[in-house]
Amino acid sequence: MPQVTLTVNGKQHTVAVEARTLLVELLREKLGLTGTHVGCDTSQCGACVVHVDGVSAKSCTMLAVQAEGTAVTTIEGLAAADGTLHPMQEMFREHHALQCGFCTPGMVMSAIDLVNSHPQGMTEKEIREGLEGNLCRCTGYHNIVKAIDAAQPLMHAK
C-alpha cells in the first residue's frame, strides 16, 4: 500500500492509503477531519473543497497520492490557535450565511480562494459567478454573497 506524506493544517502526516483512496477519504477517515463533506460524489456540489498549496480543490476528485508533498488546509485549520475565526468565517457568522451548515465548509474554503484571487475586489455578480461550483440548498445565496463581499476588505487589509 502506498504511503502519502502531506501537511494538513500545519501538521505533517504520513498515511498508508490504497492507490484509489480519495483525498476527502484520507482527511475524513484517516485523519478524522470531518468538516470536509462529501455531498454528491460527482464533484458538482463543492462541499468537499479544501485548499491544496493555497488553492481551492475539490477533494472528492483528487486522489490522496496526488497530494503527496502538498500543504492541505481544511475548514478545521482556518481559525487561529486562540479560536479567533478567519475573517471569512466571521462574516459568514455575522451575515447569517448558513442554515443547515452542510455546504458551509466548502463554501467558506471556495470563498477564501475566490477573494484571494481577486485582490482588486469583486462585484456581487462576480461573486455569484465565482460560486458556481458550490451548491447550497437552503440559503438562496443572498447572505453568502453578502458575507463574501463583507470579507473582501478584511482579507485584503492583511
Protein backbone atom coordinates (compact mmCIF):
# COMPACT_ATOMS: atom_id res chain seq x y z
CA MET A 1 0.00 0.00 0.00
CA PRO A 2 1.46 3.40 -0.94
CA GLN A 3 2.22 5.96 1.73
CA VAL A 4 1.38 9.63 1.38
CA THR A 5 3.18 12.34 3.28
CA LEU A 6 1.43 15.69 3.39
CA THR A 7 0.99 18.61 5.73
CA VAL A 8 -2.59 19.13 6.88
CA ASN A 9 -3.46 22.26 8.83
CA GLY A 10 0.22 22.78 9.63
CA LYS A 11 0.91 19.25 10.87
CA GLN A 12 2.79 16.66 8.83
CA HIS A 13 1.20 13.23 8.38
CA THR A 14 2.37 10.05 6.71
CA VAL A 15 -0.55 7.77 5.94
CA ALA A 16 -0.81 4.41 4.21
CA VAL A 17 -3.59 4.51 1.62
CA GLU A 18 -4.86 2.38 -1.21
CA ALA A 19 -3.98 3.86 -4.60
CA ARG A 20 -7.69 4.57 -5.23
CA THR A 21 -8.24 6.50 -1.95
CA LEU A 22 -9.59 10.00 -2.49
CA LEU A 23 -8.16 12.96 -0.61
CA VAL A 24 -11.54 13.53 1.06
CA GLU A 25 -11.46 9.95 2.37
CA LEU A 26 -7.95 10.40 3.74
CA LEU A 27 -9.00 13.61 5.52
CA ARG A 28 -12.24 12.24 6.96
CA GLU A 29 -11.46 8.58 7.62
CA LYS A 30 -7.71 8.50 8.28
CA LEU A 31 -7.22 11.91 9.93
CA GLY A 32 -10.66 12.42 11.49
CA LEU A 33 -11.17 15.85 9.90
CA THR A 34 -14.88 15.56 9.23
CA GLY A 35 -15.50 19.22 8.42
CA THR A 36 -14.81 18.39 4.78
CA HIS A 37 -18.05 16.90 3.49
CA VAL A 38 -18.97 14.51 0.70
CA GLY A 39 -22.17 15.75 -0.81
CA CYS A 40 -22.63 14.47 -4.32
CA ASP A 41 -19.81 12.07 -5.29
CA THR A 42 -19.73 13.81 -8.70
CA SER A 43 -17.66 16.94 -7.90
CA GLN A 44 -20.60 19.24 -8.59
CA CYS A 45 -21.62 20.46 -5.12
CA GLY A 46 -18.36 21.82 -3.65
CA ALA A 47 -18.96 20.51 -0.11
CA CYS A 48 -15.54 18.84 -0.24
CA VAL A 49 -13.46 21.92 -1.10
CA VAL A 50 -10.14 22.27 0.71
CA HIS A 51 -7.02 24.28 -0.11
CA VAL A 52 -4.09 22.41 -1.63
CA ASP A 53 -0.97 24.56 -1.60
CA GLY A 54 -3.21 27.58 -1.07
CA VAL A 55 -5.62 26.96 -3.94
CA SER A 56 -9.13 25.54 -3.62
CA ALA A 57 -9.57 21.98 -4.82
CA LYS A 58 -12.44 19.52 -4.74
CA SER A 59 -11.03 16.77 -2.56
CA CYS A 60 -13.55 14.24 -3.88
CA THR A 61 -11.89 14.34 -7.31
CA MET A 62 -8.28 14.22 -6.14
CA LEU A 63 -6.53 11.01 -5.25
CA ALA A 64 -4.73 11.06 -1.92
CA VAL A 65 -1.49 10.05 -3.66
CA GLN A 66 -1.76 13.21 -5.77
CA ALA A 67 -1.48 15.21 -2.55
CA GLU A 68 2.00 13.82 -1.82
CA GLY A 69 4.20 16.63 -0.51
CA THR A 70 1.47 19.26 -0.52
CA ALA A 71 0.11 21.51 2.19
CA VAL A 72 -3.62 20.99 2.69
CA THR A 73 -5.85 23.32 4.67
CA THR A 74 -9.30 22.19 5.76
CA ILE A 75 -12.03 24.17 7.47
CA GLU A 76 -10.61 22.97 10.81
CA GLY A 77 -7.33 24.73 10.02
CA LEU A 78 -8.71 28.22 9.38
CA ALA A 79 -9.28 29.58 12.88
CA ALA A 80 -6.31 30.93 14.84
CA ALA A 81 -4.86 28.87 17.69
CA ASP A 82 -6.75 31.04 20.17
CA GLY A 83 -10.06 30.28 18.43
CA THR A 84 -10.34 33.58 16.57
CA LEU A 85 -12.26 32.89 13.38
CA HIS A 86 -10.83 33.58 9.94
CA PRO A 87 -12.41 36.80 8.55
CA MET A 88 -14.47 34.77 6.07
CA GLN A 89 -15.80 32.53 8.84
CA GLU A 90 -16.63 35.59 10.91
CA MET A 91 -18.51 37.23 8.04
CA PHE A 92 -20.47 34.02 7.38
CA ARG A 93 -21.47 34.09 11.06
CA GLU A 94 -22.23 37.80 11.13
CA HIS A 95 -24.28 37.76 7.92
CA HIS A 96 -26.18 34.56 8.71
CA ALA A 97 -24.75 32.91 5.58
CA LEU A 98 -25.64 29.39 6.62
CA GLN A 99 -28.64 27.38 7.55
CA CYS A 100 -28.16 23.64 7.75
CA GLY A 101 -24.37 24.11 7.50
CA PHE A 102 -23.65 21.16 5.23
CA CYS A 103 -22.26 23.27 2.37
CA THR A 104 -20.64 25.84 4.66
CA PRO A 105 -17.11 24.38 4.99
CA GLY A 106 -16.69 24.01 1.23
CA MET A 107 -18.38 27.34 0.60
CA VAL A 108 -16.03 29.12 3.03
CA MET A 109 -12.95 27.45 1.53
CA SER A 110 -14.04 28.37 -2.01
CA ALA A 111 -14.88 31.91 -0.96
CA ILE A 112 -11.44 32.46 0.58
CA ASP A 113 -9.72 31.36 -2.64
CA LEU A 114 -12.14 33.47 -4.69
CA VAL A 115 -11.37 36.62 -2.68
CA ASN A 116 -7.62 35.89 -2.66
CA SER A 117 -7.62 35.54 -6.43
CA HIS A 118 -9.35 38.92 -6.89
CA PRO A 119 -7.27 41.44 -4.92
CA GLN A 120 -8.97 44.28 -6.83
CA GLY A 121 -12.30 43.20 -5.33
CA MET A 122 -15.42 41.74 -6.92
CA THR A 123 -18.93 42.86 -7.66
CA GLU A 124 -21.96 40.90 -6.48
CA LYS A 125 -22.29 39.42 -9.97
CA GLU A 126 -18.66 38.29 -9.97
CA ILE A 127 -19.05 36.70 -6.53
CA ARG A 128 -22.14 34.80 -7.69
CA GLU A 129 -20.33 33.62 -10.82
CA GLY A 130 -17.32 32.59 -8.73
CA LEU A 131 -19.52 30.38 -6.57
CA GLU A 132 -20.92 28.38 -9.48
CA GLY A 133 -19.11 25.22 -8.34
CA ASN A 134 -20.72 25.28 -4.89
CA LEU A 135 -24.32 24.32 -4.20
CA CYS A 136 -26.44 25.40 -1.26
CA ARG A 137 -29.92 24.02 -0.96
CA CYS A 138 -31.01 26.24 1.93
CA THR A 139 -29.98 29.88 1.70
CA GLY A 140 -30.65 31.13 -1.80
CA TYR A 141 -27.07 32.52 -1.70
CA HIS A 142 -28.09 36.08 -0.80
CA ASN A 143 -26.43 36.10 2.63
CA ILE A 144 -23.49 34.07 1.37
CA VAL A 145 -22.79 36.74 -1.24
CA LYS A 146 -23.17 39.47 1.41
CA ALA A 147 -20.71 37.65 3.68
CA ILE A 148 -18.11 37.25 0.94
CA ASP A 149 -18.50 40.88 -0.07
CA ALA A 150 -18.05 41.99 3.56
CA ALA A 151 -14.96 39.76 3.94
CA GLN A 152 -13.18 41.27 0.92
CA PRO A 153 -11.79 44.39 2.63
CA LEU A 154 -10.90 42.42 5.77
CA MET A 155 -8.89 39.88 3.82
CA HIS A 156 -7.20 42.43 1.55
CA ALA A 157 -6.20 44.57 4.53
CA LYS A 158 -3.67 41.92 5.66
